[in-house]
Amino acid sequence: MKQLFVRVQPKSGQASFFRCGIKFGRAWLKVEGVDAATVKRLEEEQMLEVSEDQPEDFEGQTLDAADPAGNEPLSAAASGTPAAAPKPA
């Protein structure tokens, strides 16, 4: 398993982009525990910038791809969009 640092390609003009079930934003996201097929797919995606080395402007958002249950809160936090509050019954 590998770790990558991934963000939306700054030149794309997109604020966010989904690939491999993960929402990426303009800020770097450290993705840990990814298999070889996911690494290949992310590296080949033109909408994403991918690095194996920690970028200087990395701010500390981490996603453990081996624990998909952790994906939802982190994706919302990484996107800057607050999670929706449950509606009262």
PDB file of N, CA and C in Angstrom:
ATOM      1  N   MET A   1       0.840  -1.172   0.000  1.00  0.00           N
ATOM      2  CA  MET A   1       0.000   0.000   0.000  1.00  0.00           C
ATOM      3  C   MET A   1       0.891   1.243   0.000  1.00  0.00           C
ATOM      4  N   LYS A   2       0.364   2.269  -0.593  1.00  0.00           N
ATOM      5  CA  LYS A   2       1.153   3.464  -0.827  1.00  0.00           C
ATOM      6  C   LYS A   2       0.446   4.704  -0.297  1.00  0.00           C
ATOM      7  N   GLN A   3       1.200   5.793  -0.184  1.00  0.00           N
ATOM      8  CA  GLN A   3       0.603   7.075   0.156  1.00  0.00           C
ATOM      9  C   GLN A   3       0.899   8.061  -0.966  1.00  0.00           C
ATOM     10  N   LEU A   4      -0.078   8.901  -1.248  1.00  0.00           N
ATOM     11  CA  LEU A   4       0.051   9.923  -2.281  1.00  0.00           C
ATOM     12  C   LEU A   4      -0.465  11.245  -1.741  1.00  0.00           C
ATOM     13  N   PHE A   5      -0.031  12.328  -2.343  1.00  0.00           N
ATOM     14  CA  PHE A   5      -0.565  13.652  -2.077  1.00  0.00           C
ATOM     15  C   PHE A   5      -1.256  14.077  -3.365  1.00  0.00           C
ATOM     16  N   VAL A   6      -2.547  14.407  -3.265  1.00  0.00           N
ATOM     17  CA  VAL A   6      -3.352  14.649  -4.465  1.00  0.00           C
ATOM     18  C   VAL A   6      -4.182  15.911  -4.276  1.00  0.00           C
ATOM     19  N   ARG A   7      -4.325  16.680  -5.354  1.00  0.00           N
ATOM     20  CA  ARG A   7      -5.218  17.840  -5.365  1.00  0.00           C
ATOM     21  C   ARG A   7      -5.720  18.063  -6.781  1.00  0.00           C
ATOM     22  N   VAL A   8      -6.753  18.868  -6.904  1.00  0.00           N
ATOM     23  CA  VAL A   8      -7.255  19.241  -8.222  1.00  0.00           C
ATOM     24  C   VAL A   8      -6.173  20.055  -8.922  1.00  0.00           C
ATOM     25  N   GLN A   9      -5.948  19.761 -10.179  1.00  0.00           N
ATOM     26  CA  GLN A   9      -4.955  20.482 -10.982  1.00  0.00           C
ATOM     27  C   GLN A   9      -5.293  21.979 -10.946  1.00  0.00           C
ATOM     28  N   PRO A  10      -4.399  22.828 -10.423  1.00  0.00           N
ATOM     29  CA  PRO A  10      -4.701  24.253 -10.296  1.00  0.00           C
ATOM     30  C   PRO A  10      -5.096  24.928 -11.613  1.00  0.00           C
ATOM     31  N   LYS A  11      -4.553  24.490 -12.724  1.00  0.00           N
ATOM     32  CA  LYS A  11      -4.853  25.099 -14.021  1.00  0.00           C
ATOM     33  C   LYS A  11      -6.235  24.735 -14.548  1.00  0.00           C
ATOM     34  N   SER A  12      -6.895  23.759 -13.916  1.00  0.00           N
ATOM     35  CA  SER A  12      -8.191  23.290 -14.418  1.00  0.00           C
ATOM     36  C   SER A  12      -9.331  24.270 -14.152  1.00  0.00           C
ATOM     37  N   GLY A  13      -9.206  25.085 -13.112  1.00  0.00           N
ATOM     38  CA  GLY A  13     -10.277  25.999 -12.761  1.00  0.00           C
ATOM     39  C   GLY A  13     -11.381  25.355 -11.929  1.00  0.00           C
ATOM     40  N   GLN A  14     -11.315  24.056 -11.714  1.00  0.00           N
ATOM     41  CA  GLN A  14     -12.305  23.327 -10.909  1.00  0.00           C
ATOM     42  C   GLN A  14     -12.003  23.515  -9.423  1.00  0.00           C
ATOM     43  N   ALA A  15     -13.050  23.615  -8.614  1.00  0.00           N
ATOM     44  CA  ALA A  15     -12.877  23.702  -7.163  1.00  0.00           C
ATOM     45  C   ALA A  15     -12.772  22.319  -6.534  1.00  0.00           C
ATOM     46  N   SER A  16     -13.436  21.327  -7.142  1.00  0.00           N
ATOM     47  CA  SER A  16     -13.384  19.965  -6.622  1.00  0.00           C
ATOM     48  C   SER A  16     -13.572  18.979  -7.764  1.00  0.00           C
ATOM     49  N   PHE A  17     -13.176  17.730  -7.502  1.00  0.00           N
ATOM     50  CA  PHE A  17     -13.227  16.687  -8.522  1.00  0.00           C
ATOM     51  C   PHE A  17     -13.247  15.339  -7.824  1.00  0.00           C
ATOM     52  N   PHE A  18     -14.128  14.446  -8.256  1.00  0.00           N
ATOM     53  CA  PHE A  18     -14.206  13.098  -7.701  1.00  0.00           C
ATOM     54  C   PHE A  18     -13.467  12.107  -8.598  1.00  0.00           C
ATOM     55  N   ARG A  19     -12.673  11.231  -7.977  1.00  0.00           N
ATOM     56  CA  ARG A  19     -12.042  10.127  -8.693  1.00  0.00           C
ATOM     57  C   ARG A  19     -11.814   9.027  -7.674  1.00  0.00           C
ATOM     58  N   CYS A  20     -12.086   7.795  -8.049  1.00  0.00           N
ATOM     59  CA  CYS A  20     -11.892   6.618  -7.198  1.00  0.00           C
ATOM     60  C   CYS A  20     -12.675   6.740  -5.886  1.00  0.00           C
ATOM     61  N   GLY A  21     -13.849   7.373  -5.954  1.00  0.00           N
ATOM     62  CA  GLY A  21     -14.691   7.508  -4.782  1.00  0.00           C
ATOM     63  C   GLY A  21     -14.212   8.525  -3.769  1.00  0.00           C
ATOM     64  N   ILE A  22     -13.260   9.370  -4.144  1.00  0.00           N
ATOM     65  CA  ILE A  22     -12.695  10.363  -3.235  1.00  0.00           C
ATOM     66  C   ILE A  22     -12.918  11.745  -3.825  1.00  0.00           C
ATOM     67  N   LYS A  23     -13.347  12.685  -2.993  1.00  0.00           N
ATOM     68  CA  LYS A  23     -13.518  14.063  -3.446  1.00  0.00           C
ATOM     69  C   LYS A  23     -12.229  14.831  -3.160  1.00  0.00           C
ATOM     70  N   PHE A  24     -11.642  15.356  -4.221  1.00  0.00           N
ATOM     71  CA  PHE A  24     -10.427  16.145  -4.093  1.00  0.00           C
ATOM     72  C   PHE A  24     -10.765  17.616  -4.276  1.00  0.00           C
ATOM     73  N   GLY A  25     -10.040  18.464  -3.590  1.00  0.00           N
ATOM     74  CA  GLY A  25     -10.217  19.905  -3.703  1.00  0.00           C
ATOM     75  C   GLY A  25      -8.918  20.560  -4.132  1.00  0.00           C
ATOM     76  N   ARG A  26      -8.863  21.865  -3.976  1.00  0.00           N
ATOM     77  CA  ARG A  26      -7.669  22.618  -4.373  1.00  0.00           C
ATOM     78  C   ARG A  26      -6.514  22.435  -3.403  1.00  0.00           C
ATOM     79  N   ALA A  27      -6.826  22.081  -2.146  1.00  0.00           N
ATOM     80  CA  ALA A  27      -5.777  21.832  -1.156  1.00  0.00           C
ATOM     81  C   ALA A  27      -5.290  20.387  -1.302  1.00  0.00           C
ATOM     82  N   TRP A  28      -4.024  20.167  -0.995  1.00  0.00           N
ATOM     83  CA  TRP A  28      -3.462  18.813  -1.048  1.00  0.00           C
ATOM     84  C   TRP A  28      -4.178  17.910  -0.048  1.00  0.00           C
ATOM     85  N   LEU A  29      -4.419  16.695  -0.453  1.00  0.00           N
ATOM     86  CA  LEU A  29      -4.995  15.668   0.402  1.00  0.00           C
ATOM     87  C   LEU A  29      -4.022  14.493   0.427  1.00  0.00           C
ATOM     88  N   LYS A  30      -3.599  14.090   1.626  1.00  0.00           N
ATOM     89  CA  LYS A  30      -2.723  12.932   1.769  1.00  0.00           C
ATOM     90  C   LYS A  30      -3.602  11.696   1.773  1.00  0.00           C
ATOM     91  N   VAL A  31      -3.428  10.831   0.783  1.00  0.00           N
ATOM     92  CA  VAL A  31      -4.227   9.619   0.649  1.00  0.00           C
ATOM     93  C   VAL A  31      -3.312   8.444   0.989  1.00  0.00           C
ATOM     94  N   GLU A  32      -3.656   7.728   2.055  1.00  0.00           N
ATOM     95  CA  GLU A  32      -2.836   6.603   2.513  1.00  0.00           C
ATOM     96  C   GLU A  32      -3.543   5.286   2.251  1.00  0.00           C
ATOM     97  N   GLY A  33      -2.768   4.235   2.105  1.00  0.00           N
ATOM     98  CA  GLY A  33      -3.314   2.886   2.002  1.00  0.00           C
ATOM     99  C   GLY A  33      -3.956   2.578   0.660  1.00  0.00           C
ATOM    100  N   VAL A  34      -3.496   3.230  -0.408  1.00  0.00           N
ATOM    101  CA  VAL A  34      -4.087   2.972  -1.722  1.00  0.00           C
ATOM    102  C   VAL A  34      -3.370   1.817  -2.417  1.00  0.00           C
ATOM    103  N   ASP A  35      -4.148   1.022  -3.145  1.00  0.00           N
ATOM    104  CA  ASP A  35      -3.557  -0.104  -3.870  1.00  0.00           C
ATOM    105  C   ASP A  35      -2.976   0.375  -5.204  1.00  0.00           C
ATOM    106  N   ALA A  36      -2.282  -0.515  -5.884  1.00  0.00           N
ATOM    107  CA  ALA A  36      -1.586  -0.171  -7.130  1.00  0.00           C
ATOM    108  C   ALA A  36      -2.544   0.313  -8.217  1.00  0.00           C
ATOM    109  N   ALA A  37      -3.731  -0.278  -8.312  1.00  0.00           N
ATOM    110  CA  ALA A  37      -4.699   0.127  -9.339  1.00  0.00           C
ATOM    111  C   ALA A  37      -5.191   1.558  -9.083  1.00  0.00           C
ATOM    112  N   THR A  38      -5.416   1.902  -7.829  1.00  0.00           N
ATOM    113  CA  THR A  38      -5.859   3.255  -7.488  1.00  0.00           C
ATOM    114  C   THR A  38      -4.751   4.261  -7.747  1.00  0.00           C
ATOM    115  N   VAL A  39      -3.525   3.917  -7.383  1.00  0.00           N
ATOM    116  CA  VAL A  39      -2.380   4.791  -7.647  1.00  0.00           C
ATOM    117  C   VAL A  39      -2.293   5.088  -9.142  1.00  0.00           C
ATOM    118  N   LYS A  40      -2.393   4.050  -9.956  1.00  0.00           N
ATOM    119  CA  LYS A  40      -2.299   4.223 -11.403  1.00  0.00           C
ATOM    120  C   LYS A  40      -3.413   5.132 -11.918  1.00  0.00           C
ATOM    121  N   ARG A  41      -4.639   4.894 -11.457  1.00  0.00           N
ATOM    122  CA  ARG A  41      -5.789   5.692 -11.917  1.00  0.00           C
ATOM    123  C   ARG A  41      -5.647   7.151 -11.527  1.00  0.00           C
ATOM    124  N   LEU A  42      -5.212   7.416 -10.304  1.00  0.00           N
ATOM    125  CA  LEU A  42      -5.037   8.801  -9.856  1.00  0.00           C
ATOM    126  C   LEU A  42      -3.904   9.490 -10.614  1.00  0.00           C
ATOM    127  N   GLU A  43      -2.805   8.787 -10.808  1.00  0.00           N
ATOM    128  CA  GLU A  43      -1.667   9.377 -11.525  1.00  0.00           C
ATOM    129  C   GLU A  43      -1.982   9.663 -12.988  1.00  0.00           C
ATOM    130  N   GLU A  44      -2.870   8.884 -13.590  1.00  0.00           N
ATOM    131  CA  GLU A  44      -3.221   9.080 -14.999  1.00  0.00           C
ATOM    132  C   GLU A  44      -4.312  10.140 -15.200  1.00  0.00           C
ATOM    133  N   GLU A  45      -4.975  10.547 -14.126  1.00  0.00           N
ATOM    134  CA  GLU A  45      -6.067  11.509 -14.238  1.00  0.00           C
ATOM    135  C   GLU A  45      -5.526  12.922 -14.481  1.00  0.00           C
ATOM    136  N   GLN A  46      -5.887  13.510 -15.618  1.00  0.00           N
ATOM    137  CA  GLN A  46      -5.383  14.831 -15.992  1.00  0.00           C
ATOM    138  C   GLN A  46      -5.947  15.956 -15.128  1.00  0.00           C
ATOM    139  N   MET A  47      -7.081  15.723 -14.476  1.00  0.00           N
ATOM    140  CA  MET A  47      -7.691  16.753 -13.626  1.00  0.00           C
ATOM    141  C   MET A  47      -7.008  16.850 -12.257  1.00  0.00           C
ATOM    142  N   LEU A  48      -6.119  15.894 -11.960  1.00  0.00           N
ATOM    143  CA  LEU A  48      -5.479  15.864 -10.652  1.00  0.00           C
ATOM    144  C   LEU A  48      -3.974  16.066 -10.758  1.00  0.00           C
ATOM    145  N   GLU A  49      -3.425  16.661  -9.712  1.00  0.00           N
ATOM    146  CA  GLU A  49      -1.975  16.762  -9.547  1.00  0.00           C
ATOM    147  C   GLU A  49      -1.617  15.773  -8.443  1.00  0.00           C
ATOM    148  N   VAL A  50      -0.676  14.878  -8.709  1.00  0.00           N
ATOM    149  CA  VAL A  50      -0.340  13.795  -7.782  1.00  0.00           C
ATOM    150  C   VAL A  50       1.156  13.818  -7.497  1.00  0.00           C
ATOM    151  N   SER A  51       1.511  13.643  -6.234  1.00  0.00           N
ATOM    152  CA  SER A  51       2.911  13.594  -5.842  1.00  0.00           C
ATOM    153  C   SER A  51       3.105  12.499  -4.797  1.00  0.00           C
ATOM    154  N   GLU A  52       4.225  11.814  -4.871  1.00  0.00           N
ATOM    155  CA  GLU A  52       4.565  10.833  -3.839  1.00  0.00           C
ATOM    156  C   GLU A  52       5.304  11.504  -2.688  1.00  0.00           C
ATOM    157  N   ASP A  53       5.827  12.696  -2.928  1.00  0.00           N
ATOM    158  CA  ASP A  53       6.548  13.455  -1.911  1.00  0.00           C
ATOM    159  C   ASP A  53       5.632  14.527  -1.332  1.00  0.00           C
ATOM    160  N   GLN A  54       5.792  14.811  -0.050  1.00  0.00           N
ATOM    161  CA  GLN A  54       4.940  15.816   0.590  1.00  0.00           C
ATOM    162  C   GLN A  54       5.245  17.200   0.030  1.00  0.00           C
ATOM    163  N   PRO A  55       4.237  17.869  -0.546  1.00  0.00           N
ATOM    164  CA  PRO A  55       4.427  19.216  -1.078  1.00  0.00           C
ATOM    165  C   PRO A  55       4.674  20.219   0.057  1.00  0.00           C
ATOM    166  N   GLU A  56       5.391  21.295  -0.255  1.00  0.00           N
ATOM    167  CA  GLU A  56       5.696  22.307   0.753  1.00  0.00           C
ATOM    168  C   GLU A  56       4.433  22.959   1.315  1.00  0.00           C
ATOM    169  N   ASP A  57       3.392  23.093   0.482  1.00  0.00           N
ATOM    170  CA  ASP A  57       2.176  23.769   0.926  1.00  0.00           C
ATOM    171  C   ASP A  57       1.099  22.798   1.435  1.00  0.00           C
ATOM    172  N   PHE A  58       1.494  21.573   1.781  1.00  0.00           N
ATOM    173  CA  PHE A  58       0.566  20.595   2.347  1.00  0.00           C
ATOM    174  C   PHE A  58       0.125  21.059   3.728  1.00  0.00           C
ATOM    175  N   GLU A  59      -1.208  21.073   3.989  1.00  0.00           N
ATOM    176  CA  GLU A  59      -1.743  21.612   5.236  1.00  0.00           C
ATOM    177  C   GLU A  59      -2.210  20.552   6.232  1.00  0.00           C
ATOM    178  N   GLY A  60      -2.072  19.282   5.912  1.00  0.00           N
ATOM    179  CA  GLY A  60      -2.340  18.257   6.903  1.00  0.00           C
ATOM    180  C   GLY A  60      -3.625  17.467   6.781  1.00  0.00           C
ATOM    181  N   GLN A  61      -4.403  17.576   5.704  1.00  0.00           N
ATOM    182  CA  GLN A  61      -5.604  16.753   5.525  1.00  0.00           C
ATOM    183  C   GLN A  61      -5.177  15.351   5.094  1.00  0.00           C
ATOM    184  N   THR A  62      -5.676  14.332   5.776  1.00  0.00           N
ATOM    185  CA  THR A  62      -5.297  12.950   5.479  1.00  0.00           C
ATOM    186  C   THR A  62      -6.534  12.072   5.343  1.00  0.00           C
ATOM    187  N   LEU A  63      -6.504  11.194   4.356  1.00  0.00           N
ATOM    188  CA  LEU A  63      -7.558  10.204   4.150  1.00  0.00           C
ATOM    189  C   LEU A  63      -6.915   8.827   4.168  1.00  0.00           C
ATOM    190  N   ASP A  64      -7.438   7.938   5.000  1.00  0.00           N
ATOM    191  CA  ASP A  64      -6.962   6.553   5.011  1.00  0.00           C
ATOM    192  C   ASP A  64      -7.864   5.767   4.080  1.00  0.00           C
ATOM    193  N   ALA A  65      -7.401   5.510   2.858  1.00  0.00           N
ATOM    194  CA  ALA A  65      -8.208   4.809   1.857  1.00  0.00           C
ATOM    195  C   ALA A  65      -8.509   3.378   2.282  1.00  0.00           C
ATOM    196  N   ALA A  66      -7.730   2.823   3.196  1.00  0.00           N
ATOM    197  CA  ALA A  66      -7.987   1.475   3.684  1.00  0.00           C
ATOM    198  C   ALA A  66      -9.164   1.459   4.663  1.00  0.00           C
ATOM    199  N   ASP A  67      -9.590   2.650   5.126  1.00  0.00           N
ATOM    200  CA  ASP A  67     -10.726   2.771   6.042  1.00  0.00           C
ATOM    201  C   ASP A  67     -11.772   3.679   5.407  1.00  0.00           C
ATOM    202  N   PRO A  68     -12.577   3.153   4.478  1.00  0.00           N
ATOM    203  CA  PRO A  68     -13.529   3.988   3.762  1.00  0.00           C
ATOM    204  C   PRO A  68     -14.532   4.699   4.660  1.00  0.00           C
ATOM    205  N   ALA A  69     -14.745   4.217   5.859  1.00  0.00           N
ATOM    206  CA  ALA A  69     -15.671   4.880   6.771  1.00  0.00           C
ATOM    207  C   ALA A  69     -15.179   6.278   7.121  1.00  0.00           C
ATOM    208  N   GLY A  70     -13.874   6.487   7.064  1.00  0.00           N
ATOM    209  CA  GLY A  70     -13.312   7.803   7.353  1.00  0.00           C
ATOM    210  C   GLY A  70     -13.406   8.753   6.185  1.00  0.00           C
ATOM    211  N   ASN A  71     -13.821   8.284   5.021  1.00  0.00           N
ATOM    212  CA  ASN A  71     -13.842   9.101   3.808  1.00  0.00           C
ATOM    213  C   ASN A  71     -14.844  10.238   3.876  1.00  0.00           C
ATOM    214  N   GLU A  72     -16.061   9.983   4.345  1.00  0.00           N
ATOM    215  CA  GLU A  72     -17.118  10.994   4.274  1.00  0.00           C
ATOM    216  C   GLU A  72     -16.792  12.272   5.046  1.00  0.00           C
ATOM    217  N   PRO A  73     -16.456  12.196   6.352  1.00  0.00           N
ATOM    218  CA  PRO A  73     -16.173  13.439   7.065  1.00  0.00           C
ATOM    219  C   PRO A  73     -14.972  14.175   6.493  1.00  0.00           C
ATOM    220  N   LEU A  74     -13.923  13.446   6.103  1.00  0.00           N
ATOM    221  CA  LEU A  74     -12.737  14.097   5.581  1.00  0.00           C
ATOM    222  C   LEU A  74     -13.015  14.761   4.250  1.00  0.00           C
ATOM    223  N   SER A  75     -13.774  14.113   3.382  1.00  0.00           N
ATOM    224  CA  SER A  75     -14.091  14.703   2.092  1.00  0.00           C
ATOM    225  C   SER A  75     -14.846  16.003   2.278  1.00  0.00           C
ATOM    226  N   ALA A  76     -15.784  16.034   3.212  1.00  0.00           N
ATOM    227  CA  ALA A  76     -16.527  17.262   3.462  1.00  0.00           C
ATOM    228  C   ALA A  76     -15.599  18.328   4.017  1.00  0.00           C
ATOM    229  N   ALA A  77     -14.708  17.949   4.931  1.00  0.00           N
ATOM    230  CA  ALA A  77     -13.792  18.926   5.503  1.00  0.00           C
ATOM    231  C   ALA A  77     -12.813  19.426   4.462  1.00  0.00           C
ATOM    232  N   ALA A  78     -12.315  18.539   3.620  1.00  0.00           N
ATOM    233  CA  ALA A  78     -11.352  18.934   2.603  1.00  0.00           C
ATOM    234  C   ALA A  78     -11.976  19.847   1.567  1.00  0.00           C
ATOM    235  N   SER A  79     -13.271  19.694   1.317  1.00  0.00           N
ATOM    236  CA  SER A  79     -13.933  20.503   0.302  1.00  0.00           C
ATOM    237  C   SER A  79     -14.323  21.874   0.822  1.00  0.00           C
ATOM    238  N   GLY A  80     -14.272  22.040   2.155  1.00  0.00           N
ATOM    239  CA  GLY A  80     -14.692  23.295   2.735  1.00  0.00           C
ATOM    240  C   GLY A  80     -16.194  23.407   2.880  1.00  0.00           C
ATOM    241  N   THR A  81     -16.915  22.336   2.589  1.00  0.00           N
ATOM    242  CA  THR A  81     -18.364  22.326   2.698  1.00  0.00           C
ATOM    243  C   THR A  81     -18.749  21.663   4.015  1.00  0.00           C
ATOM    244  N   PRO A  82     -19.503  22.365   4.875  1.00  0.00           N
ATOM    245  CA  PRO A  82     -19.876  21.738   6.141  1.00  0.00           C
ATOM    246  C   PRO A  82     -20.848  20.589   5.921  1.00  0.00           C
ATOM    247  N   ALA A  83     -20.775  19.617   6.796  1.00  0.00           N
ATOM    248  CA  ALA A  83     -21.705  18.486   6.718  1.00  0.00           C
ATOM    249  C   ALA A  83     -23.098  18.977   7.093  1.00  0.00           C
ATOM    250  N   ALA A  84     -24.096  18.428   6.470  1.00  0.00           N
ATOM    251  CA  ALA A  84     -25.486  18.827   6.744  1.00  0.00           C
ATOM    252  C   ALA A  84     -25.906  18.323   8.117  1.00  0.00           C
ATOM    253  N   ALA A  85     -26.583  19.172   8.855  1.00  0.00           N
ATOM    254  CA  ALA A  85     -27.091  18.781  10.170  1.00  0.00           C
ATOM    255  C   ALA A  85     -28.373  17.995   9.989  1.00  0.00           C
ATOM    256  N   PRO A  86     -28.609  16.984  10.841  1.00  0.00           N
ATOM    257  CA  PRO A  86     -29.860  16.223  10.715  1.00  0.00           C
ATOM    258  C   PRO A  86     -31.051  17.122  11.015  1.00  0.00           C
ATOM    259  N   LYS A  87     -32.161  16.902  10.305  1.00  0.00           N
ATOM    260  CA  LYS A  87     -33.375  17.678  10.508  1.00  0.00           C
ATOM    261  C   LYS A  87     -34.132  17.113  11.700  1.00  0.00           C
ATOM    262  N   PRO A  88     -34.715  18.008  12.516  1.00  0.00           N
ATOM    263  CA  PRO A  88     -35.481  17.515  13.665  1.00  0.00           C
ATOM    264  C   PRO A  88     -36.718  16.739  13.204  1.00  0.00           C
ATOM    265  N   ALA A  89     -37.130  15.747  13.996  1.00  0.00           N
ATOM    266  CA  ALA A  89     -38.265  14.893  13.634  1.00  0.00           C
ATOM    267  C   ALA A  89     -39.581  15.570  13.905  1.00  0.00           C
TER     268      ALA A  89
END
